Amino acid sequence: GWMQHPVEFGALTQLWAGTSPEMIDTNGGYFIPWARVGKMPTGALNSEVGPKLWDWIEEQRKGHF
């Protein structure tokens, strides 16, 4: 299920990426659980999908912000 990992790991990767001195030169990196640099999925840089995703997100958040 969605709670298969200890809550203590919840923000570990974000904290590590944002505060670790070894991450100083990894701006724009793709980070994965837990506290590791990962390989960005090939579809993540698809120039056709990006704008469609942005538009979809904007539509979904209407009325929430």
N, C-alpha and C. Protein backbone atom coordinates (compact mmCIF):
# COMPACT_ATOMS: atom_id res chain seq x y z
N GLY A 1 0.80 -1.19 0.00
CA GLY A 1 0.00 0.00 0.00
C GLY A 1 0.84 1.26 0.00
N TRP A 2 0.18 2.34 0.16
CA TRP A 2 0.85 3.63 0.09
C TRP A 2 1.66 3.95 1.34
N MET A 3 1.50 3.18 2.39
CA MET A 3 2.26 3.42 3.62
C MET A 3 3.24 2.28 3.90
N GLN A 4 3.95 1.87 2.92
CA GLN A 4 4.85 0.75 3.11
C GLN A 4 6.25 1.16 3.59
N HIS A 5 6.49 2.45 3.75
CA HIS A 5 7.80 2.92 4.20
C HIS A 5 7.63 3.77 5.46
N PRO A 6 8.63 3.76 6.33
CA PRO A 6 8.55 4.54 7.56
C PRO A 6 8.39 6.04 7.27
N VAL A 7 7.57 6.70 8.06
CA VAL A 7 7.30 8.12 7.88
C VAL A 7 8.58 8.96 8.00
N GLU A 8 9.55 8.48 8.73
CA GLU A 8 10.82 9.21 8.90
C GLU A 8 11.53 9.44 7.57
N PHE A 9 11.25 8.61 6.57
CA PHE A 9 11.88 8.76 5.27
C PHE A 9 11.16 9.77 4.38
N GLY A 10 10.05 10.30 4.85
CA GLY A 10 9.18 11.16 4.04
C GLY A 10 9.87 12.27 3.28
N ALA A 11 10.70 13.05 3.94
CA ALA A 11 11.35 14.19 3.29
C ALA A 11 12.85 14.00 3.17
N LEU A 12 13.32 12.80 3.39
CA LEU A 12 14.76 12.56 3.39
C LEU A 12 15.43 13.00 2.10
N THR A 13 14.90 12.60 0.97
CA THR A 13 15.53 12.92 -0.31
C THR A 13 15.55 14.42 -0.55
N GLN A 14 14.44 15.10 -0.28
CA GLN A 14 14.39 16.54 -0.49
C GLN A 14 15.37 17.29 0.41
N LEU A 15 15.43 16.87 1.68
CA LEU A 15 16.35 17.50 2.61
C LEU A 15 17.80 17.25 2.20
N TRP A 16 18.09 16.05 1.79
CA TRP A 16 19.44 15.70 1.36
C TRP A 16 19.83 16.51 0.13
N ALA A 17 18.95 16.59 -0.86
CA ALA A 17 19.26 17.31 -2.09
C ALA A 17 19.42 18.81 -1.83
N GLY A 18 18.67 19.33 -0.87
CA GLY A 18 18.71 20.76 -0.61
C GLY A 18 19.76 21.23 0.37
N THR A 19 20.34 20.31 1.14
CA THR A 19 21.28 20.74 2.19
C THR A 19 22.64 20.07 2.15
N SER A 20 22.78 19.02 1.39
CA SER A 20 24.04 18.28 1.38
C SER A 20 25.10 19.03 0.57
N PRO A 21 26.28 19.25 1.15
CA PRO A 21 27.36 19.94 0.41
C PRO A 21 27.74 19.22 -0.89
N GLU A 22 27.60 17.91 -0.93
CA GLU A 22 27.97 17.18 -2.14
C GLU A 22 27.01 17.43 -3.30
N MET A 23 25.88 18.07 -3.03
CA MET A 23 24.88 18.34 -4.06
C MET A 23 25.04 19.73 -4.68
N ILE A 24 26.07 20.45 -4.29
CA ILE A 24 26.25 21.83 -4.72
C ILE A 24 26.30 21.97 -6.25
N ASP A 25 26.80 20.97 -6.95
CA ASP A 25 26.94 21.04 -8.41
C ASP A 25 25.91 20.20 -9.15
N THR A 26 24.82 19.83 -8.50
CA THR A 26 23.82 18.98 -9.16
C THR A 26 22.50 19.71 -9.38
N ASN A 27 22.57 21.01 -9.64
CA ASN A 27 21.37 21.79 -9.90
C ASN A 27 20.59 21.17 -11.06
N GLY A 28 19.31 20.96 -10.85
CA GLY A 28 18.48 20.36 -11.89
C GLY A 28 18.57 18.85 -11.93
N GLY A 29 19.17 18.26 -10.93
CA GLY A 29 19.31 16.81 -10.89
C GLY A 29 17.98 16.11 -10.67
N TYR A 30 17.96 14.85 -10.94
CA TYR A 30 16.77 14.02 -10.74
C TYR A 30 17.07 13.11 -9.56
N PHE A 31 16.34 13.29 -8.47
CA PHE A 31 16.63 12.57 -7.24
C PHE A 31 15.54 11.55 -6.94
N ILE A 32 15.97 10.41 -6.42
CA ILE A 32 15.04 9.32 -6.14
C ILE A 32 15.20 8.89 -4.68
N PRO A 33 14.19 8.22 -4.13
CA PRO A 33 14.30 7.73 -2.75
C PRO A 33 15.45 6.73 -2.65
N TRP A 34 16.11 6.71 -1.64
CA TRP A 34 16.23 7.70 -0.60
C TRP A 34 17.60 8.29 -0.67
N ALA A 35 17.61 9.59 -0.93
CA ALA A 35 18.86 10.36 -1.00
C ALA A 35 19.82 9.81 -2.05
N ARG A 36 19.30 9.62 -3.26
CA ARG A 36 20.15 9.15 -4.36
C ARG A 36 19.88 9.97 -5.61
N VAL A 37 20.92 10.12 -6.42
CA VAL A 37 20.75 10.74 -7.73
C VAL A 37 20.30 9.64 -8.67
N GLY A 38 19.24 9.89 -9.41
CA GLY A 38 18.70 8.90 -10.33
C GLY A 38 18.84 9.34 -11.77
N LYS A 39 18.43 8.49 -12.65
CA LYS A 39 18.45 8.79 -14.08
C LYS A 39 17.06 9.29 -14.47
N MET A 40 17.01 10.45 -15.11
CA MET A 40 15.73 11.03 -15.50
C MET A 40 15.07 10.15 -16.56
N PRO A 41 13.77 9.89 -16.40
CA PRO A 41 13.07 9.10 -17.41
C PRO A 41 13.13 9.80 -18.78
N THR A 42 13.26 9.04 -19.83
CA THR A 42 13.40 9.63 -21.17
C THR A 42 12.21 10.49 -21.55
N GLY A 43 11.02 10.15 -21.12
CA GLY A 43 9.85 10.94 -21.46
C GLY A 43 9.76 12.27 -20.74
N ALA A 44 10.58 12.48 -19.72
CA ALA A 44 10.50 13.70 -18.92
C ALA A 44 10.88 14.95 -19.70
N LEU A 45 11.65 14.80 -20.75
CA LEU A 45 12.08 15.95 -21.53
C LEU A 45 11.37 16.04 -22.88
N ASN A 46 10.29 15.33 -23.03
CA ASN A 46 9.53 15.33 -24.28
C ASN A 46 8.90 16.70 -24.49
N SER A 47 9.29 17.39 -25.56
CA SER A 47 8.83 18.76 -25.78
C SER A 47 7.36 18.84 -26.17
N GLU A 48 6.75 17.74 -26.54
CA GLU A 48 5.33 17.75 -26.87
C GLU A 48 4.47 17.49 -25.63
N VAL A 49 4.95 16.64 -24.75
CA VAL A 49 4.18 16.27 -23.56
C VAL A 49 4.22 17.37 -22.51
N GLY A 50 5.33 18.06 -22.37
CA GLY A 50 5.50 19.09 -21.34
C GLY A 50 4.39 20.14 -21.33
N PRO A 51 4.14 20.81 -22.45
CA PRO A 51 3.08 21.82 -22.47
C PRO A 51 1.69 21.23 -22.20
N LYS A 52 1.44 20.02 -22.66
CA LYS A 52 0.15 19.38 -22.39
C LYS A 52 -0.02 19.11 -20.90
N LEU A 53 1.05 18.64 -20.27
CA LEU A 53 1.01 18.38 -18.83
C LEU A 53 0.79 19.69 -18.07
N TRP A 54 1.49 20.74 -18.46
CA TRP A 54 1.34 22.03 -17.81
C TRP A 54 -0.11 22.51 -17.89
N ASP A 55 -0.69 22.44 -19.07
CA ASP A 55 -2.08 22.86 -19.25
C ASP A 55 -3.03 22.03 -18.40
N TRP A 56 -2.80 20.73 -18.35
CA TRP A 56 -3.65 19.85 -17.54
C TRP A 56 -3.57 20.21 -16.06
N ILE A 57 -2.34 20.44 -15.58
CA ILE A 57 -2.16 20.81 -14.18
C ILE A 57 -2.85 22.13 -13.87
N GLU A 58 -2.70 23.10 -14.75
CA GLU A 58 -3.36 24.39 -14.55
C GLU A 58 -4.87 24.22 -14.47
N GLU A 59 -5.41 23.38 -15.29
CA GLU A 59 -6.87 23.13 -15.28
C GLU A 59 -7.29 22.45 -13.97
N GLN A 60 -6.49 21.52 -13.49
CA GLN A 60 -6.83 20.78 -12.28
C GLN A 60 -6.77 21.65 -11.02
N ARG A 61 -5.89 22.60 -11.01
CA ARG A 61 -5.73 23.43 -9.81
C ARG A 61 -6.66 24.62 -9.73
N LYS A 62 -7.43 24.88 -10.77
CA LYS A 62 -8.38 26.00 -10.75
C LYS A 62 -9.30 25.86 -9.54
N GLY A 63 -9.47 26.98 -8.85
CA GLY A 63 -10.32 26.99 -7.67
C GLY A 63 -9.62 26.58 -6.39
N HIS A 64 -8.37 26.12 -6.49
CA HIS A 64 -7.64 25.70 -5.31
C HIS A 64 -6.62 26.74 -4.85
N PHE A 65 -6.26 27.63 -5.76
CA PHE A 65 -5.25 28.65 -5.41
C PHE A 65 -5.78 30.02 -5.70
